[in-house]
Amino acid sequence: MRVIHTADWQIGKPFRNFGEKESVLRQARLSAIEAIGRLAQGEAAAHVLVAGDLYDTEAPAQKTLLEPLERMRGFPGIAWHIIPGNHDPHRGNGLWDRARSIGLPDNVHVHLSPEPASLGPEAVLLPSPLRRKSEVSDLTEWMDQAPSSDSVIRIGLAHGSVTGFGSEGEASNPIAPDRAKRAGLDYLALGDWHRTMQVGPGTWYAGTPEADRFGSQELGQVLLVEIAGPGAPPTVSTRRTGAYRWLSQAEEITAARDLDGLEERLRLIPELPSLLMRLDLRGTLDLTARADLSNRLAALEAAMFWLEPDLSGLHVRPTLDDLERIDFGGVLREAAELLKAEAENPAANPVERRRAEEALVQLFVMTRESGRGQAA
């Protein structure tokens, strides 16, 4: 049989730092559901397993509550199996009771108790839903004794942190690293990490279907899981579902000649309009090159969906020519000299040194633009 394993949709997740683009990123998480549905259809996978954190919060607005359910409704031939995670645990009169009172689509199955659920004649699903954000005991332990026929595939579905493995998860919710072996599982589908990761034989974290942070999963994806039969090792492969790529990159630049290579490397990255980049720049530039860098970054920002440059490790060291372009003498030159001394003073507060560097750059750009205007 074939199933799709996914987790950590976190519908309703805010992206407030992204200004007017927040709504685009929120919508992308909903579009990923449709990508999963199309993938399931194309791969003849009749079941999609959602290993927790479908929602980002326990109290989503009514529209947010309904939006993913309606996307899943649009794929009536696919059965969607969901468990609550630490972001959306099952509490009395909580979001899952709200959803059930409204009426779930016929093809959406929310598993709110740890009991076997049939996936047709081929397999049984053993879900371990969370009832609170953080559990101190291993809720997957019940799987060891869960009954099933020897002729069916056993699949576990859980959300938490595999003990001794480390996790990016926000809550403890421990899971034994050998749970699949103890419980005779052919596959254990996990959620909580936002990165695709194999933990052990037949035990995987799916990652998130739409990437949502720097320093984690770059591209949203899900897992296609193929199991020939009971006792057969699963074949697991990744499938991209995300529209946006989140990339962190560090670059060293020490001279004006490095800027051409930097820009060329960044422009060669595929799919720039859907790229979110955190760019860590380090090194030393003179004022002319630093002003040139600002122009190049502005152009790259226009080419990308989002560019977040970190210039805290990039220092400005003006040359004599730089200072003379500001002013040969007089008040502006004197101000430039003072700022240069402050920026290069090793005993100065790092914050003050950074402010002096930025002020020097602004003074340079202002006087250069003023000179162009006068020349015109």
Protein backbone atom coordinates (compact mmCIF):
# COMPACT_ATOMS: atom_id res chain seq x y z
CA MET A 1 0.00 0.00 0.00
CA ARG A 2 0.94 3.66 -0.41
CA VAL A 3 0.30 6.49 2.04
CA ILE A 4 1.37 10.11 2.30
CA HIS A 5 2.94 11.11 5.61
CA THR A 6 2.83 14.79 6.54
CA ALA A 7 2.72 16.94 9.68
CA ASP A 8 3.06 20.43 11.13
CA TRP A 9 0.84 22.35 8.74
CA GLN A 10 0.27 24.98 11.45
CA ILE A 11 -2.53 26.69 9.58
CA GLY A 12 -2.98 30.24 10.84
CA LYS A 13 0.69 30.70 11.68
CA PRO A 14 1.50 34.44 11.82
CA PHE A 15 4.36 35.97 9.84
CA ARG A 16 4.21 39.45 11.28
CA ASN A 17 7.84 40.30 10.49
CA PHE A 18 7.07 40.07 6.80
CA GLY A 19 4.71 43.04 6.58
CA GLU A 20 2.39 43.02 3.60
CA LYS A 21 3.73 39.62 2.53
CA GLU A 22 2.36 37.91 5.64
CA SER A 23 -0.92 37.06 3.92
CA VAL A 24 0.95 35.43 1.02
CA LEU A 25 2.88 33.13 3.36
CA ARG A 26 -0.27 32.22 5.27
CA GLN A 27 -2.05 31.39 2.02
CA ALA A 28 0.89 29.23 0.92
CA ARG A 29 0.25 26.90 3.85
CA LEU A 30 -3.29 26.33 2.60
CA SER A 31 -2.11 25.84 -0.97
CA ALA A 32 0.25 23.11 0.29
CA ILE A 33 -2.81 21.07 1.31
CA GLU A 34 -4.01 21.10 -2.28
CA ALA A 35 -0.51 20.09 -3.43
CA ILE A 36 -0.66 17.14 -1.03
CA GLY A 37 -4.07 16.14 -2.36
CA ARG A 38 -2.89 16.25 -5.97
CA LEU A 39 0.20 14.26 -5.02
CA ALA A 40 -1.89 11.60 -3.30
CA GLN A 41 -4.06 11.31 -6.39
CA GLY A 42 -1.07 11.10 -8.72
CA GLU A 43 0.71 8.49 -6.59
CA ALA A 44 -2.43 6.41 -5.98
CA ALA A 45 -2.08 6.92 -2.22
CA ALA A 46 -5.55 6.51 -0.74
CA HIS A 47 -4.60 7.77 2.73
CA VAL A 48 -2.87 10.93 3.98
CA LEU A 49 -1.56 10.77 7.56
CA VAL A 50 -1.28 14.13 9.33
CA ALA A 51 0.93 13.66 12.40
CA GLY A 52 -0.25 16.60 14.48
CA ASP A 53 -0.21 20.41 14.51
CA LEU A 54 -2.64 20.91 11.67
CA TYR A 55 -3.39 24.28 13.32
CA ASP A 56 -0.94 26.75 14.83
CA THR A 57 -3.10 27.57 17.83
CA GLU A 58 -5.75 25.98 20.05
CA ALA A 59 -8.24 28.75 19.33
CA PRO A 60 -8.26 29.51 15.61
CA ALA A 61 -10.78 31.94 14.18
CA GLN A 62 -13.79 30.31 12.52
CA LYS A 63 -12.46 30.98 9.02
CA THR A 64 -9.05 29.58 9.93
CA LEU A 65 -10.69 26.50 11.45
CA LEU A 66 -12.65 25.78 8.28
CA GLU A 67 -10.08 26.59 5.60
CA PRO A 68 -8.00 23.38 5.75
CA LEU A 69 -11.11 21.22 6.13
CA GLU A 70 -12.53 22.68 2.93
CA ARG A 71 -9.26 22.06 1.08
CA MET A 72 -9.35 18.41 2.14
CA ARG A 73 -13.03 18.17 1.19
CA GLY A 74 -11.95 18.98 -2.36
CA PHE A 75 -10.26 15.56 -2.63
CA PRO A 76 -13.13 13.15 -1.85
CA GLY A 77 -11.18 10.11 -3.06
CA ILE A 78 -8.49 10.66 -0.44
CA ALA A 79 -8.93 9.77 3.26
CA TRP A 80 -7.21 12.29 5.54
CA HIS A 81 -6.25 10.98 8.99
CA ILE A 82 -5.40 13.62 11.61
CA ILE A 83 -4.22 13.61 15.21
CA PRO A 84 -3.96 16.63 17.52
CA GLY A 85 -0.42 17.85 18.28
CA ASN A 86 1.08 20.16 20.88
CA HIS A 87 -0.10 23.30 19.03
CA ASP A 88 -3.65 21.97 18.67
CA PRO A 89 -4.20 19.42 21.46
CA HIS A 90 -7.61 17.87 22.04
CA ARG A 91 -9.26 19.52 25.03
CA GLY A 92 -12.90 19.45 26.05
CA ASN A 93 -14.90 22.01 24.07
CA GLY A 94 -11.73 22.85 22.18
CA LEU A 95 -11.08 23.28 18.49
CA TRP A 96 -11.67 19.63 17.58
CA ASP A 97 -15.07 19.60 19.27
CA ARG A 98 -15.84 22.84 17.43
CA ALA A 99 -14.87 21.24 14.14
CA ARG A 100 -16.98 18.15 14.79
CA SER A 101 -19.99 20.24 15.82
CA ILE A 102 -19.78 22.12 12.53
CA GLY A 103 -19.47 18.85 10.65
CA LEU A 104 -16.28 17.30 9.27
CA PRO A 105 -16.10 16.34 5.61
CA ASP A 106 -16.80 12.64 5.08
CA ASN A 107 -13.21 11.99 3.98
CA VAL A 108 -11.61 13.71 7.02
CA HIS A 109 -11.00 11.48 10.03
CA VAL A 110 -9.81 13.08 13.29
CA HIS A 111 -8.49 10.48 15.72
CA LEU A 112 -9.06 11.76 19.25
CA SER A 113 -8.44 8.60 21.24
CA PRO A 114 -5.70 5.94 21.21
CA GLU A 115 -7.50 3.07 19.55
CA PRO A 116 -6.95 1.13 16.31
CA ALA A 117 -8.54 2.53 13.16
CA SER A 118 -8.91 0.58 9.96
CA LEU A 119 -7.21 1.77 6.78
CA GLY A 120 -9.12 -0.76 4.77
CA PRO A 121 -8.29 -4.46 4.45
CA GLU A 122 -4.54 -3.83 4.14
CA ALA A 123 -3.63 -1.85 7.24
CA VAL A 124 -4.51 -0.61 10.70
CA LEU A 125 -3.65 2.84 12.06
CA LEU A 126 -2.56 3.26 15.70
CA PRO A 127 -2.94 6.97 16.58
CA SER A 128 -1.57 8.71 19.70
CA PRO A 129 -3.34 12.09 19.94
CA LEU A 130 -2.21 14.74 22.41
CA ARG A 131 -4.67 16.08 24.98
CA ARG A 132 -2.36 18.79 26.26
CA LYS A 133 0.59 20.77 25.00
CA SER A 134 3.15 18.84 27.00
CA GLU A 135 3.01 15.24 28.21
CA VAL A 136 5.59 13.74 30.53
CA SER A 137 4.75 10.13 29.68
CA ASP A 138 5.12 8.33 26.38
CA LEU A 139 1.66 8.24 24.82
CA THR A 140 2.80 5.77 22.16
CA GLU A 141 3.32 2.99 24.72
CA TRP A 142 -0.21 1.70 24.17
CA MET A 143 0.77 0.64 20.65
CA ASP A 144 2.81 -2.27 22.07
CA GLN A 145 -0.35 -4.07 23.14
CA ALA A 146 -2.71 -2.83 20.42
CA PRO A 147 -4.37 -5.84 18.77
CA SER A 148 -4.39 -6.42 15.05
CA SER A 149 -4.44 -9.29 12.60
CA ASP A 150 -1.10 -10.73 11.48
CA SER A 151 -2.21 -10.13 7.90
CA VAL A 152 -2.42 -6.33 8.10
CA ILE A 153 0.21 -3.60 8.06
CA ARG A 154 0.61 -1.75 11.38
CA ILE A 155 1.18 2.00 11.14
CA GLY A 156 1.70 4.29 14.13
CA LEU A 157 0.85 8.00 14.10
CA ALA A 158 2.26 10.28 16.82
CA HIS A 159 3.52 13.77 17.63
CA GLY A 160 6.46 14.39 19.95
CA SER A 161 10.17 14.07 20.62
CA VAL A 162 12.06 10.83 20.19
CA THR A 163 14.05 10.52 23.41
CA GLY A 164 17.82 10.63 23.11
CA PHE A 165 17.60 11.88 19.55
CA GLY A 166 17.09 15.61 20.08
CA SER A 167 14.24 17.63 18.64
CA GLU A 168 13.23 21.04 17.44
CA GLY A 169 9.86 20.49 19.07
CA GLU A 170 8.44 23.01 21.50
CA ALA A 171 7.16 20.45 24.02
CA SER A 172 8.54 17.29 25.57
CA ASN A 173 6.00 14.58 24.62
CA PRO A 174 8.61 11.78 24.75
CA ILE A 175 8.57 8.86 22.33
CA ALA A 176 10.74 5.78 22.81
CA PRO A 177 13.33 5.51 20.02
CA ASP A 178 12.53 1.80 19.55
CA ARG A 179 8.77 2.20 19.63
CA ALA A 180 8.33 0.82 16.11
CA LYS A 181 10.21 -2.36 17.04
CA ARG A 182 8.46 -2.79 20.40
CA ALA A 183 5.00 -2.35 18.90
CA GLY A 184 5.64 -4.38 15.76
CA LEU A 185 5.01 -1.36 13.57
CA ASP A 186 5.77 -1.47 9.89
CA TYR A 187 5.96 2.32 9.92
CA LEU A 188 5.83 5.05 12.58
CA ALA A 189 4.75 8.45 11.21
CA LEU A 190 5.88 11.31 13.43
CA GLY A 191 5.32 15.05 13.65
CA ASP A 192 6.89 17.89 15.66
CA TRP A 193 10.18 18.45 13.84
CA HIS A 194 9.97 20.91 10.97
CA ARG A 195 12.60 18.97 9.09
CA THR A 196 12.32 15.68 7.26
CA MET A 197 14.35 13.15 9.23
CA GLN A 198 14.69 9.41 9.59
CA VAL A 199 15.03 8.45 13.24
CA GLY A 200 15.33 4.70 12.83
CA PRO A 201 14.17 1.80 10.67
CA GLY A 202 10.61 2.62 9.66
CA THR A 203 10.45 5.73 11.87
CA TRP A 204 10.36 9.14 10.20
CA TYR A 205 9.56 12.78 10.82
CA ALA A 206 7.82 14.18 7.75
CA GLY A 207 8.84 17.82 8.20
CA THR A 208 6.48 20.59 7.17
CA PRO A 209 4.81 20.75 3.74
CA GLU A 210 5.53 24.50 3.49
CA ALA A 211 8.76 25.76 5.05
CA ASP A 212 8.22 28.47 7.66
CA ARG A 213 11.50 29.54 9.26
CA PHE A 214 15.15 30.21 8.55
CA GLY A 215 17.71 27.67 9.71
CA SER A 216 15.34 24.73 9.40
CA GLN A 217 13.80 23.01 6.40
CA GLU A 218 14.50 24.95 3.19
CA LEU A 219 11.70 23.47 1.08
CA GLY A 220 8.32 22.11 2.14
CA GLN A 221 7.85 18.43 1.47
CA VAL A 222 6.00 15.29 2.49
CA LEU A 223 6.87 11.60 2.49
CA LEU A 224 5.52 8.98 0.12
CA VAL A 225 5.56 5.68 2.02
CA GLU A 226 5.25 2.35 0.23
CA ILE A 227 4.82 -0.86 2.25
CA ALA A 228 4.55 -4.15 0.37
CA GLY A 229 2.98 -6.01 3.27
CA PRO A 230 3.24 -6.88 6.97
CA GLY A 231 6.87 -7.14 8.00
CA ALA A 232 8.19 -5.63 4.78
CA PRO A 233 10.55 -2.65 5.19
CA PRO A 234 8.92 0.57 4.02
CA THR A 235 10.25 2.47 1.04
CA VAL A 236 10.22 6.18 1.87
CA SER A 237 10.80 9.02 -0.57
CA THR A 238 10.39 12.78 -0.34
CA ARG A 239 8.05 14.81 -2.50
CA ARG A 240 8.12 18.60 -2.72
CA THR A 241 4.88 20.38 -1.87
CA GLY A 242 6.07 23.84 -0.79
CA ALA A 243 6.06 26.94 -2.95
CA TYR A 244 8.69 28.93 -1.05
CA ARG A 245 12.30 28.22 -0.19
CA TRP A 246 13.85 29.54 3.02
CA LEU A 247 17.61 29.81 2.69
CA SER A 248 20.29 31.04 5.09
CA GLN A 249 23.64 31.85 3.53
CA ALA A 250 26.91 33.36 4.77
CA GLU A 251 29.31 35.25 2.53
CA GLU A 252 32.74 36.80 3.09
CA ILE A 253 33.56 39.97 1.15
CA THR A 254 36.76 41.94 1.57
CA ALA A 255 37.01 44.13 -1.52
CA ALA A 256 34.94 45.77 -4.22
CA ARG A 257 35.92 43.01 -6.66
CA ASP A 258 34.07 40.48 -4.48
CA LEU A 259 30.71 42.15 -5.12
CA ASP A 260 30.37 40.92 -8.70
CA GLY A 261 30.91 37.32 -7.60
CA LEU A 262 28.48 37.70 -4.71
CA GLU A 263 25.71 39.06 -6.90
CA GLU A 264 26.34 36.44 -9.57
CA ARG A 265 26.10 33.58 -7.04
CA LEU A 266 22.87 34.91 -5.59
CA ARG A 267 21.26 35.45 -8.97
CA LEU A 268 22.06 31.87 -9.98
CA ILE A 269 19.87 30.51 -7.17
CA PRO A 270 16.80 28.93 -8.79
CA GLU A 271 13.32 30.43 -8.44
CA LEU A 272 14.35 33.81 -7.04
CA PRO A 273 10.76 35.19 -6.94
CA SER A 274 9.82 32.51 -4.39
CA LEU A 275 13.04 32.69 -2.35
CA LEU A 276 13.25 33.98 1.21
CA MET A 277 16.89 34.56 2.14
CA ARG A 278 18.71 35.49 5.30
CA LEU A 279 22.10 36.73 4.08
CA ASP A 280 24.95 36.97 6.59
CA LEU A 281 27.67 39.24 5.19
CA ARG A 282 31.05 39.48 6.83
CA GLY A 283 34.30 41.23 5.99
CA THR A 284 35.52 44.77 5.35
CA LEU A 285 34.71 47.26 2.58
CA ASP A 286 35.63 50.82 1.82
CA LEU A 287 32.88 53.42 1.54
CA THR A 288 32.62 53.27 -2.24
CA ALA A 289 32.19 49.49 -2.23
CA ARG A 290 29.80 49.64 0.73
CA ALA A 291 27.54 52.09 -1.13
CA ASP A 292 27.70 49.84 -4.19
CA LEU A 293 26.69 46.88 -2.02
CA SER A 294 23.59 48.75 -0.83
CA ASN A 295 22.49 49.28 -4.45
CA ARG A 296 23.07 45.65 -5.33
CA LEU A 297 21.14 44.45 -2.28
CA ALA A 298 18.23 46.71 -3.23
CA ALA A 299 18.11 45.10 -6.68
CA LEU A 300 18.32 41.59 -5.21
CA GLU A 301 15.55 42.42 -2.76
CA ALA A 302 13.37 43.31 -5.72
CA ALA A 303 14.25 40.03 -7.44
CA MET A 304 13.50 37.84 -4.40
CA PHE A 305 10.33 37.30 -2.42
CA TRP A 306 12.19 38.38 0.72
CA LEU A 307 15.77 39.37 1.47
CA GLU A 308 16.96 39.83 5.03
CA PRO A 309 20.61 40.94 5.03
CA ASP A 310 22.61 40.83 8.25
CA LEU A 311 25.44 43.36 8.00
CA SER A 312 26.51 43.20 11.64
CA GLY A 313 29.70 41.37 10.66
CA LEU A 314 30.53 43.70 7.78
CA HIS A 315 32.77 46.66 8.64
CA VAL A 316 33.47 49.90 6.82
CA ARG A 317 37.04 51.14 6.46
CA PRO A 318 37.06 54.38 4.43
CA THR A 319 40.06 55.19 2.25
CA LEU A 320 41.56 58.64 1.80
CA ASP A 321 39.80 58.86 -1.56
CA ASP A 322 36.49 58.08 0.18
CA LEU A 323 36.99 60.93 2.65
CA GLU A 324 37.97 63.35 -0.08
CA ARG A 325 34.82 62.48 -2.00
CA ILE A 326 32.88 63.60 1.06
CA ASP A 327 34.85 66.81 1.37
CA PHE A 328 38.45 67.93 0.90
CA GLY A 329 38.16 69.97 4.09
CA GLY A 330 35.63 71.81 6.16
CA VAL A 331 32.78 70.65 8.35
CA LEU A 332 31.79 67.53 6.41
CA ARG A 333 35.35 66.28 6.24
CA GLU A 334 35.76 66.90 9.95
CA ALA A 335 32.57 64.96 10.67
CA ALA A 336 33.77 62.11 8.46
CA GLU A 337 37.10 61.97 10.27
CA LEU A 338 35.36 61.82 13.65
CA LEU A 339 33.05 59.04 12.50
CA LYS A 340 36.00 57.12 11.03
CA ALA A 341 37.90 57.37 14.32
CA GLU A 342 34.87 56.13 16.27
CA ALA A 343 34.27 53.25 13.84
CA GLU A 344 37.89 52.10 14.09
CA ASN A 345 38.27 52.58 17.85
CA PRO A 346 38.72 49.08 19.37
CA ALA A 347 37.87 50.41 22.83
CA ALA A 348 34.50 51.81 21.75
CA ASN A 349 31.18 50.09 22.41
CA PRO A 350 30.40 47.75 19.45
CA VAL A 351 26.97 49.30 19.07
CA GLU A 352 28.46 52.78 18.90
CA ARG A 353 31.05 51.61 16.39
CA ARG A 354 28.30 50.17 14.21
CA ARG A 355 26.32 53.41 14.40
CA ALA A 356 29.41 55.37 13.41
CA GLU A 357 29.95 53.11 10.40
CA GLU A 358 26.35 53.46 9.26
CA ALA A 359 26.46 57.24 9.71
CA LEU A 360 29.64 57.35 7.66
CA VAL A 361 28.01 55.38 4.86
CA GLN A 362 24.96 57.67 4.90
CA LEU A 363 27.16 60.76 4.82
CA PHE A 364 29.09 59.34 1.88
CA VAL A 365 25.97 58.48 -0.09
CA MET A 366 24.36 61.85 0.71
CA THR A 367 27.35 63.89 -0.46
CA ARG A 368 27.83 61.73 -3.55
CA GLU A 369 24.19 62.09 -4.57
CA SER A 370 24.35 65.81 -3.82
CA GLY A 371 27.40 66.12 -6.07
CA ARG A 372 25.61 64.34 -8.90
CA GLY A 373 22.68 66.66 -8.55
CA GLN A 374 24.90 69.72 -8.74
CA ALA A 375 26.72 68.29 -11.74
CA ALA A 376 23.39 67.76 -13.51
